């Protein structure tokens, strides 16, 4: 990978390979998230999208390849260290703390990063105003859409360089999907946070994305600007 690539990409995956129990899951994946860009990683179920995110977070060990964040090589760093370097990760299933209130969920994220940044909290609540109404409510009693907003807000309060979202529209009602889409566009426009979005909902990607990568069997099989995502490509690689 050239120095030029590393300077324009806030997150760069270079030829990464991952195996589980002797089976190769990722095969030479190259992917870049540019500064202030929103990149959609797409593909059918079971092609390696979540494993790619786990590799970025240090939850899946690389066989080969390199991952850099703002030019810093992540090899050998723990998951908490990667988060502290500037990765906000919202996994599939959200993984909020159900027995803690909304406020406690947000504060614990700050504490885990050693931050006392009240302005970041205010900004997250501005982006997701519904959470203001539920600050004293336990996370577990929120609807799926509200939990997803809490999970994204919790990642944002750490002021990450990159926000990584794994299937944020899954199991969520259409009006909340629209609202999350509008919020991602707002974040993108602010220009402080780059976004890597794993998503199967093609229309959502077309609405919010700048560029796309499509995976199949652990490899990137198509990539380009979001306006280059043709019906033929969707039919070949994404239609179920």
Protein backbone atom coordinates (compact mmCIF):
# COMPACT_ATOMS: atom_id res chain seq x y z
CA UNK A 1 0.00 0.00 0.00
CA UNK A 2 1.39 3.37 -0.95
CA UNK A 3 2.01 6.20 1.47
CA UNK A 4 -0.49 8.23 -0.54
CA UNK A 5 -3.25 5.72 0.19
CA UNK A 6 -2.53 5.78 3.89
CA UNK A 7 -2.65 9.58 3.97
CA UNK A 8 -6.12 9.76 2.39
CA UNK A 9 -7.67 6.79 4.19
CA UNK A 10 -8.45 7.04 7.88
CA UNK A 11 -8.92 3.24 7.99
CA UNK A 12 -7.12 0.91 5.59
CA UNK A 13 -7.21 -2.89 5.30
CA UNK A 14 -4.39 -4.27 3.19
CA UNK A 15 -4.59 -7.86 1.92
CA UNK A 16 -6.06 -9.26 5.16
CA UNK A 17 -6.77 -12.97 5.57
CA UNK A 18 -8.52 -14.66 8.50
CA UNK A 19 -9.16 -18.36 9.22
CA UNK A 20 -11.41 -20.11 11.73
CA UNK A 21 -10.56 -23.71 12.70
CA UNK A 22 -8.56 -24.25 9.54
CA UNK A 23 -11.16 -22.76 7.18
CA UNK A 24 -10.21 -19.58 5.35
CA UNK A 25 -12.92 -16.97 6.00
CA UNK A 26 -11.33 -13.81 4.56
CA UNK A 27 -9.11 -13.96 1.48
CA UNK A 28 -6.90 -10.97 0.71
CA UNK A 29 -9.38 -8.22 1.59
CA UNK A 30 -8.39 -4.65 0.64
CA UNK A 31 -10.67 -1.88 1.82
CA UNK A 32 -10.31 1.82 2.58
CA UNK A 33 -12.47 4.31 4.47
CA UNK A 34 -11.54 7.87 3.42
CA UNK A 35 -11.70 10.83 5.77
CA UNK A 36 -15.29 12.03 6.23
CA UNK A 37 -16.51 9.27 3.88
CA UNK A 38 -19.30 6.74 4.36
CA UNK A 39 -18.34 3.33 2.97
CA UNK A 40 -20.88 0.50 2.66
CA UNK A 41 -19.62 -3.08 2.97
CA UNK A 42 -22.29 -5.25 1.38
CA UNK A 43 -22.93 -8.91 0.63
CA UNK A 44 -25.21 -11.81 1.36
CA UNK A 45 -25.27 -13.58 4.74
CA UNK A 46 -22.17 -15.52 5.70
CA UNK A 47 -19.71 -14.00 3.20
CA UNK A 48 -17.33 -12.52 5.80
CA UNK A 49 -18.63 -9.00 6.49
CA UNK A 50 -18.86 -9.33 10.28
CA UNK A 51 -15.53 -11.19 10.37
CA UNK A 52 -13.98 -8.19 8.59
CA UNK A 53 -15.27 -5.90 11.35
CA UNK A 54 -14.02 -8.33 14.02
CA UNK A 55 -10.58 -8.29 12.38
CA UNK A 56 -10.56 -4.48 12.55
CA UNK A 57 -11.48 -4.62 16.26
CA UNK A 58 -8.93 -7.34 17.08
CA UNK A 59 -11.66 -9.90 17.80
CA UNK A 60 -10.46 -12.11 14.91
CA UNK A 61 -6.76 -12.80 14.42
CA UNK A 62 -5.16 -12.00 11.06
CA UNK A 63 -3.30 -14.74 9.18
CA UNK A 64 -1.78 -12.13 6.87
CA UNK A 65 -2.17 -8.49 5.97
CA UNK A 66 -2.26 -5.19 7.84
CA UNK A 67 -4.86 -2.81 9.25
CA UNK A 68 -4.04 0.85 9.88
CA UNK A 69 -6.01 3.60 11.59
CA UNK A 70 -4.88 7.12 10.63
CA UNK A 71 -1.53 5.58 9.63
CA UNK A 72 -1.08 3.61 12.89
CA UNK A 73 -0.68 -0.16 12.48
CA UNK A 74 -3.19 -1.99 14.71
CA UNK A 75 -1.37 -5.36 14.84
CA UNK A 76 -0.82 -6.51 18.41
CA UNK A 77 -3.20 -3.96 19.95
CA UNK A 78 -6.04 -5.14 22.19
CA UNK A 79 -9.68 -4.37 21.36
CA UNK A 80 -9.91 -1.67 24.10
CA UNK A 81 -6.71 -0.06 22.80
CA UNK A 82 -8.12 0.03 19.26
CA UNK A 83 -11.28 1.65 20.58
CA UNK A 84 -9.24 4.23 22.49
CA UNK A 85 -7.24 4.99 19.33
CA UNK A 86 -10.48 6.13 17.71
CA UNK A 87 -12.79 3.30 16.59
CA UNK A 88 -16.43 3.41 17.66
CA UNK A 89 -17.95 -0.04 17.09
CA UNK A 90 -21.67 -0.86 17.14
CA UNK A 91 -21.95 -4.64 16.74
CA UNK A 92 -24.91 -6.56 15.37
CA UNK A 93 -27.40 -6.96 18.21
CA UNK A 94 -26.32 -3.60 19.68
CA UNK A 95 -25.01 -5.00 23.01
CA UNK A 96 -26.14 -2.13 25.20
CA UNK A 97 -26.30 -2.72 28.96
CA UNK A 98 -29.98 -3.63 29.50
CA UNK A 99 -29.99 -3.12 33.29
CA UNK A 100 -28.37 0.33 33.13
CA UNK A 101 -30.27 3.50 32.28
CA UNK A 102 -29.73 5.33 29.01
CA UNK A 103 -27.69 7.93 30.91
CA UNK A 104 -25.55 5.25 32.57
CA UNK A 105 -24.96 3.50 29.21
CA UNK A 106 -23.62 6.77 27.78
CA UNK A 107 -21.53 7.67 30.84
CA UNK A 108 -19.95 4.21 31.10
CA UNK A 109 -18.70 4.58 27.53
CA UNK A 110 -16.95 7.82 28.47
CA UNK A 111 -15.50 6.30 31.65
CA UNK A 112 -14.18 3.26 29.77
CA UNK A 113 -12.24 5.66 27.52
CA UNK A 114 -11.06 7.82 30.43
CA UNK A 115 -13.03 10.79 29.08
CA UNK A 116 -15.08 13.46 30.85
CA UNK A 117 -16.31 15.11 27.67
CA UNK A 118 -19.74 16.55 28.42
CA UNK A 119 -19.86 18.34 25.05
CA UNK A 120 -19.64 14.95 23.28
CA UNK A 121 -22.57 13.74 25.39
CA UNK A 122 -24.58 16.84 24.49
CA UNK A 123 -23.78 16.32 20.80
CA UNK A 124 -24.88 12.66 20.89
CA UNK A 125 -28.18 13.63 22.54
CA UNK A 126 -28.64 16.36 19.94
CA UNK A 127 -28.25 13.79 17.17
CA UNK A 128 -30.67 11.39 18.89
CA UNK A 129 -33.18 13.65 20.71
CA UNK A 130 -35.47 10.71 21.59
CA UNK A 131 -32.81 9.57 24.09
CA UNK A 132 -33.20 12.81 26.08
CA UNK A 133 -36.72 11.72 26.98
CA UNK A 134 -35.50 8.32 28.23
CA UNK A 135 -32.32 9.17 30.17
CA UNK A 136 -33.61 7.48 33.35
CA UNK A 137 -35.14 4.52 31.56
CA UNK A 138 -33.31 1.18 31.52
CA UNK A 139 -31.82 0.20 28.17
CA UNK A 140 -33.56 -3.16 28.19
CA UNK A 141 -37.06 -1.66 28.05
CA UNK A 142 -36.37 0.49 24.98
CA UNK A 143 -37.67 -0.54 21.56
CA UNK A 144 -35.21 -2.01 19.06
CA UNK A 145 -34.97 1.30 17.22
CA UNK A 146 -34.34 3.23 20.45
CA UNK A 147 -31.68 0.70 21.50
CA UNK A 148 -29.97 1.13 18.12
CA UNK A 149 -29.93 4.91 18.58
CA UNK A 150 -28.48 4.45 22.07
CA UNK A 151 -25.79 2.09 20.74
CA UNK A 152 -24.74 4.60 18.06
CA UNK A 153 -24.83 7.50 20.54
CA UNK A 154 -22.70 5.47 22.97
CA UNK A 155 -20.07 4.97 20.25
CA UNK A 156 -20.16 8.66 19.28
CA UNK A 157 -19.56 10.06 22.79
CA UNK A 158 -15.98 8.77 22.56
CA UNK A 159 -15.42 11.11 19.57
CA UNK A 160 -14.10 8.34 17.28
CA UNK A 161 -12.19 8.81 14.05
CA UNK A 162 -14.19 5.95 12.52
CA UNK A 163 -17.70 4.75 13.38
CA UNK A 164 -18.30 1.09 12.45
CA UNK A 165 -21.90 -0.11 12.26
CA UNK A 166 -22.90 -3.75 11.76
CA UNK A 167 -26.41 -4.03 10.22
CA UNK A 168 -27.92 -0.99 11.99
CA UNK A 169 -31.27 -1.30 10.16
CA UNK A 170 -31.85 -4.95 11.10
CA UNK A 171 -35.25 -5.50 12.74
CA UNK A 172 -36.05 -1.79 12.93
CA UNK A 173 -39.21 -0.04 11.76
CA UNK A 174 -38.99 2.05 8.56
CA UNK A 175 -39.47 5.49 10.17
CA UNK A 176 -36.56 4.84 12.57
CA UNK A 177 -34.40 3.57 9.67
CA UNK A 178 -35.06 6.89 7.89
CA UNK A 179 -34.12 8.81 11.02
CA UNK A 180 -30.88 6.86 11.50
CA UNK A 181 -30.08 7.50 7.81
CA UNK A 182 -30.62 11.25 8.26
CA UNK A 183 -28.41 11.22 11.35
CA UNK A 184 -25.59 9.41 9.52
CA UNK A 185 -25.78 12.00 6.75
CA UNK A 186 -25.53 14.75 9.39
CA UNK A 187 -22.49 13.10 10.97
CA UNK A 188 -20.89 12.71 7.54
CA UNK A 189 -21.54 16.38 6.71
CA UNK A 190 -19.86 17.51 9.95
CA UNK A 191 -16.71 15.87 8.57
CA UNK A 192 -15.25 14.72 11.89
CA UNK A 193 -16.13 11.03 11.76
CA UNK A 194 -15.68 8.54 8.91
CA UNK A 195 -18.22 5.69 8.75
CA UNK A 196 -17.92 2.03 7.74
CA UNK A 197 -21.37 0.50 7.40
CA UNK A 198 -22.10 -3.22 7.01
CA UNK A 199 -25.57 -3.38 5.53
CA UNK A 200 -27.78 -5.67 3.44
CA UNK A 201 -30.54 -3.11 2.89
CA UNK A 202 -29.48 -1.81 -0.54
CA UNK A 203 -31.77 1.27 -0.60
CA UNK A 204 -30.31 2.45 2.70
CA UNK A 205 -26.79 2.19 1.26
CA UNK A 206 -27.86 4.12 -1.85
CA UNK A 207 -29.33 6.85 0.36
CA UNK A 208 -26.37 7.37 2.71
CA UNK A 209 -23.24 5.88 1.11
CA UNK A 210 -20.39 7.49 -0.84
CA UNK A 211 -18.81 4.23 -1.97
CA UNK A 212 -19.33 0.48 -1.70
CA UNK A 213 -17.48 -2.79 -1.45
CA UNK A 214 -19.26 -6.11 -2.08
CA UNK A 215 -18.01 -9.34 -0.52
CA UNK A 216 -18.56 -12.90 -1.64
CA UNK A 217 -16.90 -15.97 -0.09
CA UNK A 218 -14.46 -13.85 1.90
CA UNK A 219 -13.22 -11.72 -1.02
CA UNK A 220 -14.08 -8.28 -2.36
CA UNK A 221 -15.76 -8.93 -5.72
CA UNK A 222 -16.95 -5.42 -6.63
CA UNK A 223 -16.24 -1.86 -5.48
CA UNK A 224 -16.82 1.71 -6.56
CA UNK A 225 -18.69 4.94 -5.98
CA UNK A 226 -22.25 4.37 -4.73
CA UNK A 227 -23.60 5.76 -8.02
CA UNK A 228 -21.76 2.93 -9.81
CA UNK A 229 -23.79 0.27 -7.97
CA UNK A 230 -25.81 -1.04 -10.90
CA UNK A 231 -28.93 -3.20 -10.93
CA UNK A 232 -26.86 -5.93 -12.61
CA UNK A 233 -24.29 -5.88 -9.78
CA UNK A 234 -27.07 -5.94 -7.17
CA UNK A 235 -28.73 -8.88 -8.92
CA UNK A 236 -25.48 -10.81 -9.27
CA UNK A 237 -24.07 -10.32 -5.76
CA UNK A 238 -26.82 -9.10 -3.42
CA UNK A 239 -30.20 -10.47 -4.51
CA UNK A 240 -31.37 -13.30 -2.27
